PDB file of N, CA and C in Angstrom:
ATOM      1  N   UNK A   1     -55.547  24.381 -23.379  1.00  0.00           N
ATOM      2  CA  UNK A   1     -56.144  24.203 -22.074  1.00  0.00           C
ATOM      3  C   UNK A   1     -55.492  25.152 -21.086  1.00  0.00           C
ATOM      4  N   UNK A   2     -56.288  25.693 -20.237  1.00  0.00           N
ATOM      5  CA  UNK A   2     -55.806  26.622 -19.242  1.00  0.00           C
ATOM      6  C   UNK A   2     -55.986  25.990 -17.863  1.00  0.00           C
ATOM      7  N   UNK A   3     -54.877  25.659 -17.220  1.00  0.00           N
ATOM      8  CA  UNK A   3     -54.934  25.048 -15.899  1.00  0.00           C
ATOM      9  C   UNK A   3     -54.639  26.102 -14.845  1.00  0.00           C
ATOM     10  N   UNK A   4     -55.431  26.080 -13.815  1.00  0.00           N
ATOM     11  CA  UNK A   4     -55.233  27.008 -12.706  1.00  0.00           C
ATOM     12  C   UNK A   4     -54.352  26.332 -11.671  1.00  0.00           C
ATOM     13  N   UNK A   5     -53.221  26.916 -11.352  1.00  0.00           N
ATOM     14  CA  UNK A   5     -52.249  26.326 -10.426  1.00  0.00           C
ATOM     15  C   UNK A   5     -52.841  26.176  -9.024  1.00  0.00           C
ATOM     16  N   UNK A   6     -53.808  26.988  -8.678  1.00  0.00           N
ATOM     17  CA  UNK A   6     -54.422  26.901  -7.360  1.00  0.00           C
ATOM     18  C   UNK A   6     -55.258  25.641  -7.212  1.00  0.00           C
ATOM     19  N   UNK A   7     -55.732  25.094  -8.292  1.00  0.00           N
ATOM     20  CA  UNK A   7     -56.562  23.894  -8.236  1.00  0.00           C
ATOM     21  C   UNK A   7     -55.734  22.613  -8.351  1.00  0.00           C
ATOM     22  N   UNK A   8     -54.436  22.739  -8.400  1.00  0.00           N
ATOM     23  CA  UNK A   8     -53.565  21.586  -8.529  1.00  0.00           C
ATOM     24  C   UNK A   8     -53.514  20.839  -7.197  1.00  0.00           C
ATOM     25  N   UNK A   9     -53.821  19.561  -7.232  1.00  0.00           N
ATOM     26  CA  UNK A   9     -53.830  18.747  -6.022  1.00  0.00           C
ATOM     27  C   UNK A   9     -52.435  18.179  -5.789  1.00  0.00           C
ATOM     28  N   UNK A  10     -51.618  18.953  -5.099  1.00  0.00           N
ATOM     29  CA  UNK A  10     -50.224  18.556  -4.905  1.00  0.00           C
ATOM     30  C   UNK A  10     -50.098  17.316  -4.023  1.00  0.00           C
ATOM     31  N   UNK A  11     -50.980  17.175  -3.045  1.00  0.00           N
ATOM     32  CA  UNK A  11     -50.900  15.993  -2.180  1.00  0.00           C
ATOM     33  C   UNK A  11     -51.093  14.716  -2.980  1.00  0.00           C
ATOM     34  N   UNK A  12     -52.001  14.723  -3.938  1.00  0.00           N
ATOM     35  CA  UNK A  12     -52.227  13.554  -4.774  1.00  0.00           C
ATOM     36  C   UNK A  12     -50.967  13.189  -5.535  1.00  0.00           C
ATOM     37  N   UNK A  13     -50.324  14.178  -6.135  1.00  0.00           N
ATOM     38  CA  UNK A  13     -49.135  13.902  -6.942  1.00  0.00           C
ATOM     39  C   UNK A  13     -47.936  13.496  -6.087  1.00  0.00           C
ATOM     40  N   UNK A  14     -47.835  14.052  -4.899  1.00  0.00           N
ATOM     41  CA  UNK A  14     -46.755  13.655  -3.998  1.00  0.00           C
ATOM     42  C   UNK A  14     -46.958  12.209  -3.554  1.00  0.00           C
ATOM     43  N   UNK A  15     -48.174  11.859  -3.184  1.00  0.00           N
ATOM     44  CA  UNK A  15     -48.466  10.479  -2.791  1.00  0.00           C
ATOM     45  C   UNK A  15     -48.253   9.518  -3.955  1.00  0.00           C
ATOM     46  N   UNK A  16     -48.632   9.943  -5.140  1.00  0.00           N
ATOM     47  CA  UNK A  16     -48.432   9.105  -6.337  1.00  0.00           C
ATOM     48  C   UNK A  16     -46.939   8.893  -6.592  1.00  0.00           C
ATOM     49  N   UNK A  17     -46.145   9.936  -6.401  1.00  0.00           N
ATOM     50  CA  UNK A  17     -44.695   9.813  -6.580  1.00  0.00           C
ATOM     51  C   UNK A  17     -44.109   8.847  -5.552  1.00  0.00           C
ATOM     52  N   UNK A  18     -44.561   8.934  -4.297  1.00  0.00           N
ATOM     53  CA  UNK A  18     -44.090   7.998  -3.279  1.00  0.00           C
ATOM     54  C   UNK A  18     -44.469   6.563  -3.640  1.00  0.00           C
ATOM     55  N   UNK A  19     -45.676   6.381  -4.133  1.00  0.00           N
ATOM     56  CA  UNK A  19     -46.134   5.045  -4.517  1.00  0.00           C
ATOM     57  C   UNK A  19     -45.284   4.483  -5.663  1.00  0.00           C
ATOM     58  N   UNK A  20     -45.024   5.315  -6.658  1.00  0.00           N
ATOM     59  CA  UNK A  20     -44.193   4.872  -7.776  1.00  0.00           C
ATOM     60  C   UNK A  20     -42.780   4.530  -7.306  1.00  0.00           C
ATOM     61  N   UNK A  21     -42.252   5.330  -6.395  1.00  0.00           N
ATOM     62  CA  UNK A  21     -40.913   5.061  -5.870  1.00  0.00           C
ATOM     63  C   UNK A  21     -40.888   3.762  -5.086  1.00  0.00           C
ATOM     64  N   UNK A  22     -41.915   3.526  -4.259  1.00  0.00           N
ATOM     65  CA  UNK A  22     -41.989   2.262  -3.508  1.00  0.00           C
ATOM     66  C   UNK A  22     -42.048   1.070  -4.446  1.00  0.00           C
ATOM     67  N   UNK A  23     -42.858   1.171  -5.493  1.00  0.00           N
ATOM     68  CA  UNK A  23     -42.967   0.085  -6.455  1.00  0.00           C
ATOM     69  C   UNK A  23     -41.653  -0.158  -7.182  1.00  0.00           C
ATOM     70  N   UNK A  24     -40.955   0.906  -7.546  1.00  0.00           N
ATOM     71  CA  UNK A  24     -39.676   0.783  -8.239  1.00  0.00           C
ATOM     72  C   UNK A  24     -38.632   0.123  -7.338  1.00  0.00           C
ATOM     73  N   UNK A  25     -38.558   0.573  -6.084  1.00  0.00           N
ATOM     74  CA  UNK A  25     -37.589   0.007  -5.158  1.00  0.00           C
ATOM     75  C   UNK A  25     -37.907  -1.459  -4.882  1.00  0.00           C
ATOM     76  N   UNK A  26     -39.175  -1.794  -4.715  1.00  0.00           N
ATOM     77  CA  UNK A  26     -39.559  -3.190  -4.483  1.00  0.00           C
ATOM     78  C   UNK A  26     -39.160  -4.062  -5.668  1.00  0.00           C
ATOM     79  N   UNK A  27     -39.377  -3.592  -6.872  1.00  0.00           N
ATOM     80  CA  UNK A  27     -39.010  -4.359  -8.063  1.00  0.00           C
ATOM     81  C   UNK A  27     -37.499  -4.494  -8.180  1.00  0.00           C
ATOM     82  N   UNK A  28     -36.765  -3.436  -7.850  1.00  0.00           N
ATOM     83  CA  UNK A  28     -35.305  -3.484  -7.921  1.00  0.00           C
ATOM     84  C   UNK A  28     -34.735  -4.456  -6.902  1.00  0.00           C
ATOM     85  N   UNK A  29     -35.279  -4.453  -5.687  1.00  0.00           N
ATOM     86  CA  UNK A  29     -34.807  -5.379  -4.647  1.00  0.00           C
ATOM     87  C   UNK A  29     -35.146  -6.814  -5.030  1.00  0.00           C
ATOM     88  N   UNK A  30     -36.339  -7.030  -5.547  1.00  0.00           N
ATOM     89  CA  UNK A  30     -36.741  -8.380  -5.962  1.00  0.00           C
ATOM     90  C   UNK A  30     -35.810  -8.893  -7.063  1.00  0.00           C
ATOM     91  N   UNK A  31     -35.487  -8.039  -8.015  1.00  0.00           N
ATOM     92  CA  UNK A  31     -34.586  -8.422  -9.095  1.00  0.00           C
ATOM     93  C   UNK A  31     -33.188  -8.719  -8.565  1.00  0.00           C
ATOM     94  N   UNK A  32     -32.709  -7.892  -7.640  1.00  0.00           N
ATOM     95  CA  UNK A  32     -31.384  -8.097  -7.068  1.00  0.00           C
ATOM     96  C   UNK A  32     -31.323  -9.413  -6.297  1.00  0.00           C
ATOM     97  N   UNK A  33     -32.342  -9.696  -5.503  1.00  0.00           N
ATOM     98  CA  UNK A  33     -32.381 -10.953  -4.750  1.00  0.00           C
ATOM     99  C   UNK A  33     -32.388 -12.139  -5.703  1.00  0.00           C
ATOM    100  N   UNK A  34     -33.156 -12.051  -6.770  1.00  0.00           N
ATOM    101  CA  UNK A  34     -33.206 -13.139  -7.746  1.00  0.00           C
ATOM    102  C   UNK A  34     -31.848 -13.344  -8.403  1.00  0.00           C
ATOM    103  N   UNK A  35     -31.153 -12.248  -8.714  1.00  0.00           N
ATOM    104  CA  UNK A  35     -29.818 -12.367  -9.326  1.00  0.00           C
ATOM    105  C   UNK A  35     -28.821 -12.968  -8.361  1.00  0.00           C
ATOM    106  N   UNK A  36     -28.894 -12.592  -7.089  1.00  0.00           N
ATOM    107  CA  UNK A  36     -27.982 -13.148  -6.087  1.00  0.00           C
ATOM    108  C   UNK A  36     -28.256 -14.636  -5.906  1.00  0.00           C
ATOM    109  N   UNK A  37     -29.531 -15.004  -5.804  1.00  0.00           N
ATOM    110  CA  UNK A  37     -29.881 -16.422  -5.659  1.00  0.00           C
ATOM    111  C   UNK A  37     -29.415 -17.222  -6.860  1.00  0.00           C
ATOM    112  N   UNK A  38     -29.591 -16.670  -8.053  1.00  0.00           N
ATOM    113  CA  UNK A  38     -29.169 -17.370  -9.269  1.00  0.00           C
ATOM    114  C   UNK A  38     -27.656 -17.552  -9.291  1.00  0.00           C
ATOM    115  N   UNK A  39     -26.950 -16.552  -8.825  1.00  0.00           N
ATOM    116  CA  UNK A  39     -25.490 -16.634  -8.789  1.00  0.00           C
ATOM    117  C   UNK A  39     -25.033 -17.687  -7.780  1.00  0.00           C
ATOM    118  N   UNK A  40     -25.670 -17.711  -6.623  1.00  0.00           N
ATOM    119  CA  UNK A  40     -25.263 -18.640  -5.576  1.00  0.00           C
ATOM    120  C   UNK A  40     -25.648 -20.085  -5.892  1.00  0.00           C
ATOM    121  N   UNK A  41     -26.702 -20.272  -6.654  1.00  0.00           N
ATOM    122  CA  UNK A  41     -27.155 -21.631  -6.943  1.00  0.00           C
ATOM    123  C   UNK A  41     -26.750 -22.107  -8.329  1.00  0.00           C
ATOM    124  N   UNK A  42     -25.973 -21.313  -9.045  1.00  0.00           N
ATOM    125  CA  UNK A  42     -25.575 -21.730 -10.383  1.00  0.00           C
ATOM    126  C   UNK A  42     -24.569 -22.868 -10.285  1.00  0.00           C
ATOM    127  N   UNK A  43     -24.497 -23.697 -11.308  1.00  0.00           N
ATOM    128  CA  UNK A  43     -23.597 -24.830 -11.330  1.00  0.00           C
ATOM    129  C   UNK A  43     -22.177 -24.452 -11.649  1.00  0.00           C
ATOM    130  N   UNK A  44     -21.897 -23.201 -11.827  1.00  0.00           N
ATOM    131  CA  UNK A  44     -20.558 -22.753 -12.213  1.00  0.00           C
ATOM    132  C   UNK A  44     -19.578 -22.777 -11.037  1.00  0.00           C
ATOM    133  N   UNK A  45     -20.109 -22.769  -9.813  1.00  0.00           N
ATOM    134  CA  UNK A  45     -19.221 -22.791  -8.652  1.00  0.00           C
ATOM    135  C   UNK A  45     -18.771 -24.223  -8.382  1.00  0.00           C
ATOM    136  N   UNK A  46     -17.531 -24.387  -8.047  1.00  0.00           N
ATOM    137  CA  UNK A  46     -17.031 -25.700  -7.665  1.00  0.00           C
ATOM    138  C   UNK A  46     -16.417 -25.591  -6.288  1.00  0.00           C
ATOM    139  N   UNK A  47     -16.858 -26.467  -5.396  1.00  0.00           N
ATOM    140  CA  UNK A  47     -16.326 -26.433  -4.037  1.00  0.00           C
ATOM    141  C   UNK A  47     -15.168 -27.413  -3.890  1.00  0.00           C
ATOM    142  N   UNK A  48     -14.950 -28.276  -4.875  1.00  0.00           N
ATOM    143  CA  UNK A  48     -13.879 -29.263  -4.806  1.00  0.00           C
ATOM    144  C   UNK A  48     -12.672 -28.800  -5.605  1.00  0.00           C
ATOM    145  N   UNK A  49     -12.425 -27.527  -5.618  1.00  0.00           N
ATOM    146  CA  UNK A  49     -11.270 -26.996  -6.357  1.00  0.00           C
ATOM    147  C   UNK A  49      -9.987 -27.406  -5.638  1.00  0.00           C
ATOM    148  N   UNK A  50      -8.969 -27.789  -6.406  1.00  0.00           N
ATOM    149  CA  UNK A  50      -7.713 -28.169  -5.768  1.00  0.00           C
ATOM    150  C   UNK A  50      -7.055 -26.962  -5.091  1.00  0.00           C
ATOM    151  N   UNK A  51      -6.431 -27.216  -3.971  1.00  0.00           N
ATOM    152  CA  UNK A  51      -5.735 -26.151  -3.250  1.00  0.00           C
ATOM    153  C   UNK A  51      -4.456 -25.791  -3.993  1.00  0.00           C
ATOM    154  N   UNK A  52      -4.118 -24.555  -3.940  1.00  0.00           N
ATOM    155  CA  UNK A  52      -2.891 -24.110  -4.593  1.00  0.00           C
ATOM    156  C   UNK A  52      -1.884 -23.714  -3.534  1.00  0.00           C
ATOM    157  N   UNK A  53      -0.635 -23.801  -3.869  1.00  0.00           N
ATOM    158  CA  UNK A  53       0.411 -23.405  -2.936  1.00  0.00           C
ATOM    159  C   UNK A  53       1.032 -24.623  -2.264  1.00  0.00           C
ATOM    160  N   UNK A  54       1.851 -24.364  -1.272  1.00  0.00           N
ATOM    161  CA  UNK A  54       2.546 -25.426  -0.563  1.00  0.00           C
ATOM    162  C   UNK A  54       1.701 -25.940   0.606  1.00  0.00           C
ATOM    163  N   UNK A  55       1.812 -27.246   0.908  1.00  0.00           N
ATOM    164  CA  UNK A  55       1.077 -27.770   2.064  1.00  0.00           C
ATOM    165  C   UNK A  55       1.589 -27.158   3.360  1.00  0.00           C
ATOM    166  N   UNK A  56       0.748 -27.098   4.370  1.00  0.00           N
ATOM    167  CA  UNK A  56       1.112 -26.486   5.639  1.00  0.00           C
ATOM    168  C   UNK A  56       2.040 -27.370   6.469  1.00  0.00           C
ATOM    169  N   UNK A  57       2.095 -28.660   6.200  1.00  0.00           N
ATOM    170  CA  UNK A  57       2.912 -29.589   7.001  1.00  0.00           C
ATOM    171  C   UNK A  57       4.270 -29.794   6.391  1.00  0.00           C
TER     172      UNK A  57
END
């Protein structure tokens, strides 16, 4: 196949690249938020951990 570089629609490909980048970033942020939420709501954290060290009084 012989493609003529003058007929290449660069605006289409640039817009397509921006769209793909937006979709990738949106998916990455969504995944990161889900991981943060899962970490914060996991049962592995304990808030009733005993204090260590000497008492202040």
